[in-house]
Every structure is written in C-alpha cells, then in structure tokens.
Amino acid sequence: MAVVAVATKTRPRCLPTGGPEVEDAGGRA
C-alpha cells in the first residue's frame, strides 16, 4: 500500500478508499 501512503501524504483523508490504511497513514504522516 505504498501508493496509498504517498497519496495520503499529498492529500490526507481525501481518498475514496476510506479504509483503515488511509487513516493510519494520515495519522502517521
């Protein structure tokens, strides 16, 4: 899920996935 992490860095909590990965990446970034 590297792509998700990168995308979250650019636009945190703005992905259509809305999964736990996005939340975790957003909190970490």
PDB file of N, CA and C in Angstrom:
ATOM      1  N   MET A   1       0.847  -1.214   0.000  1.00  0.00           N
ATOM      2  CA  MET A   1       0.000   0.000   0.000  1.00  0.00           C
ATOM      3  C   MET A   1       0.879   1.261   0.000  1.00  0.00           C
ATOM      4  N   ALA A   2       1.975   1.193  -0.708  1.00  0.00           N
ATOM      5  CA  ALA A   2       2.884   2.353  -0.760  1.00  0.00           C
ATOM      6  C   ALA A   2       2.200   3.522  -1.459  1.00  0.00           C
ATOM      7  N   VAL A   3       1.434   3.203  -2.503  1.00  0.00           N
ATOM      8  CA  VAL A   3       0.741   4.257  -3.262  1.00  0.00           C
ATOM      9  C   VAL A   3      -0.221   5.008  -2.344  1.00  0.00           C
ATOM     10  N   VAL A   4      -0.915   4.250  -1.494  1.00  0.00           N
ATOM     11  CA  VAL A   4      -1.877   4.869  -0.581  1.00  0.00           C
ATOM     12  C   VAL A   4      -1.162   5.818   0.372  1.00  0.00           C
ATOM     13  N   ALA A   5      -0.010   5.377   0.865  1.00  0.00           N
ATOM     14  CA  ALA A   5       0.749   6.206   1.802  1.00  0.00           C
ATOM     15  C   ALA A   5       1.181   7.506   1.133  1.00  0.00           C
ATOM     16  N   VAL A   6       1.673   7.400  -0.087  1.00  0.00           N
ATOM     17  CA  VAL A   6       2.121   8.590  -0.826  1.00  0.00           C
ATOM     18  C   VAL A   6       0.940   9.520  -1.079  1.00  0.00           C
ATOM     19  N   ALA A   7      -0.165   8.941  -1.529  1.00  0.00           N
ATOM     20  CA  ALA A   7      -1.347   9.750  -1.825  1.00  0.00           C
ATOM     21  C   ALA A   7      -1.850  10.434  -0.555  1.00  0.00           C
ATOM     22  N   THR A   8      -1.779   9.718   0.563  1.00  0.00           N
ATOM     23  CA  THR A   8      -2.243  10.289   1.827  1.00  0.00           C
ATOM     24  C   THR A   8      -1.351  11.446   2.244  1.00  0.00           C
ATOM     25  N   LYS A   9      -0.079  11.354   1.912  1.00  0.00           N
ATOM     26  CA  LYS A   9       0.853  12.429   2.267  1.00  0.00           C
ATOM     27  C   LYS A   9       0.482  13.710   1.527  1.00  0.00           C
ATOM     28  N   THR A  10       0.112  13.549   0.258  1.00  0.00           N
ATOM     29  CA  THR A  10      -0.246  14.714  -0.551  1.00  0.00           C
ATOM     30  C   THR A  10      -1.606  15.263  -0.121  1.00  0.00           C
ATOM     31  N   ARG A  11      -2.582  14.367  -0.069  1.00  0.00           N
ATOM     32  CA  ARG A  11      -3.928  14.776   0.336  1.00  0.00           C
ATOM     33  C   ARG A  11      -4.444  13.832   1.419  1.00  0.00           C
ATOM     34  N   PRO A  12      -4.154  14.111   2.685  1.00  0.00           N
ATOM     35  CA  PRO A  12      -4.568  13.253   3.794  1.00  0.00           C
ATOM     36  C   PRO A  12      -6.079  13.172   3.952  1.00  0.00           C
ATOM     37  N   ARG A  13      -6.577  11.962   4.207  1.00  0.00           N
ATOM     38  CA  ARG A  13      -8.012  11.725   4.430  1.00  0.00           C
ATOM     39  C   ARG A  13      -8.836  12.272   3.268  1.00  0.00           C
ATOM     40  N   CYS A  14      -8.342  12.124   2.034  1.00  0.00           N
ATOM     41  CA  CYS A  14      -9.091  12.635   0.886  1.00  0.00           C
ATOM     42  C   CYS A  14      -9.193  11.560  -0.199  1.00  0.00           C
ATOM     43  N   LEU A  15      -9.026  10.298   0.207  1.00  0.00           N
ATOM     44  CA  LEU A  15      -9.066   9.221  -0.773  1.00  0.00           C
ATOM     45  C   LEU A  15     -10.426   8.523  -0.737  1.00  0.00           C
ATOM     46  N   PRO A  16     -10.853   7.995  -1.882  1.00  0.00           N
ATOM     47  CA  PRO A  16     -12.142   7.309  -1.975  1.00  0.00           C
ATOM     48  C   PRO A  16     -12.149   5.967  -1.248  1.00  0.00           C
ATOM     49  N   THR A  17     -10.959   5.487  -0.873  1.00  0.00           N
ATOM     50  CA  THR A  17     -10.863   4.195  -0.197  1.00  0.00           C
ATOM     51  C   THR A  17     -11.492   4.272   1.196  1.00  0.00           C
ATOM     52  N   GLY A  18     -11.071   5.261   1.966  1.00  0.00           N
ATOM     53  CA  GLY A  18     -11.636   5.447   3.294  1.00  0.00           C
ATOM     54  C   GLY A  18     -11.416   4.233   4.177  1.00  0.00           C
ATOM     55  N   GLY A  19     -10.339   3.501   3.935  1.00  0.00           N
ATOM     56  CA  GLY A  19     -10.053   2.301   4.716  1.00  0.00           C
ATOM     57  C   GLY A  19      -9.154   2.609   5.898  1.00  0.00           C
ATOM     58  N   PRO A  20      -8.875   1.602   6.720  1.00  0.00           N
ATOM     59  CA  PRO A  20      -8.009   1.777   7.895  1.00  0.00           C
ATOM     60  C   PRO A  20      -6.593   2.173   7.498  1.00  0.00           C
ATOM     61  N   GLU A  21      -6.182   1.767   6.290  1.00  0.00           N
ATOM     62  CA  GLU A  21      -4.834   2.112   5.814  1.00  0.00           C
ATOM     63  C   GLU A  21      -4.710   3.624   5.676  1.00  0.00           C
ATOM     64  N   VAL A  22      -5.729   4.232   5.106  1.00  0.00           N
ATOM     65  CA  VAL A  22      -5.704   5.680   4.883  1.00  0.00           C
ATOM     66  C   VAL A  22      -5.648   6.409   6.220  1.00  0.00           C
ATOM     67  N   GLU A  23      -6.459   5.953   7.166  1.00  0.00           N
ATOM     68  CA  GLU A  23      -6.485   6.614   8.478  1.00  0.00           C
ATOM     69  C   GLU A  23      -5.129   6.481   9.168  1.00  0.00           C
ATOM     70  N   ASP A  24      -4.549   5.290   9.093  1.00  0.00           N
ATOM     71  CA  ASP A  24      -3.253   5.048   9.731  1.00  0.00           C
ATOM     72  C   ASP A  24      -2.171   5.910   9.082  1.00  0.00           C
ATOM     73  N   ALA A  25      -2.171   5.937   7.756  1.00  0.00           N
ATOM     74  CA  ALA A  25      -1.171   6.726   7.033  1.00  0.00           C
ATOM     75  C   ALA A  25      -1.346   8.213   7.348  1.00  0.00           C
ATOM     76  N   GLY A  26      -2.599   8.665   7.403  1.00  0.00           N
ATOM     77  CA  GLY A  26      -2.858  10.076   7.697  1.00  0.00           C
ATOM     78  C   GLY A  26      -2.378  10.435   9.091  1.00  0.00           C
ATOM     79  N   GLY A  27      -2.608   9.543  10.044  1.00  0.00           N
ATOM     80  CA  GLY A  27      -2.181   9.821  11.415  1.00  0.00           C
ATOM     81  C   GLY A  27      -0.665   9.817  11.527  1.00  0.00           C
ATOM     82  N   ARG A  28      -0.017   8.926  10.781  1.00  0.00           N
ATOM     83  CA  ARG A  28       1.439   8.832  10.840  1.00  0.00           C
ATOM     84  C   ARG A  28       2.077  10.031  10.137  1.00  0.00           C
ATOM     85  N   ALA A  29       1.529  10.377   8.986  1.00  0.00           N
ATOM     86  CA  ALA A  29       2.108  11.485   8.214  1.00  0.00           C
ATOM     87  C   ALA A  29       1.724  12.794   8.897  1.00  0.00           C
TER      88      ALA A  29
END
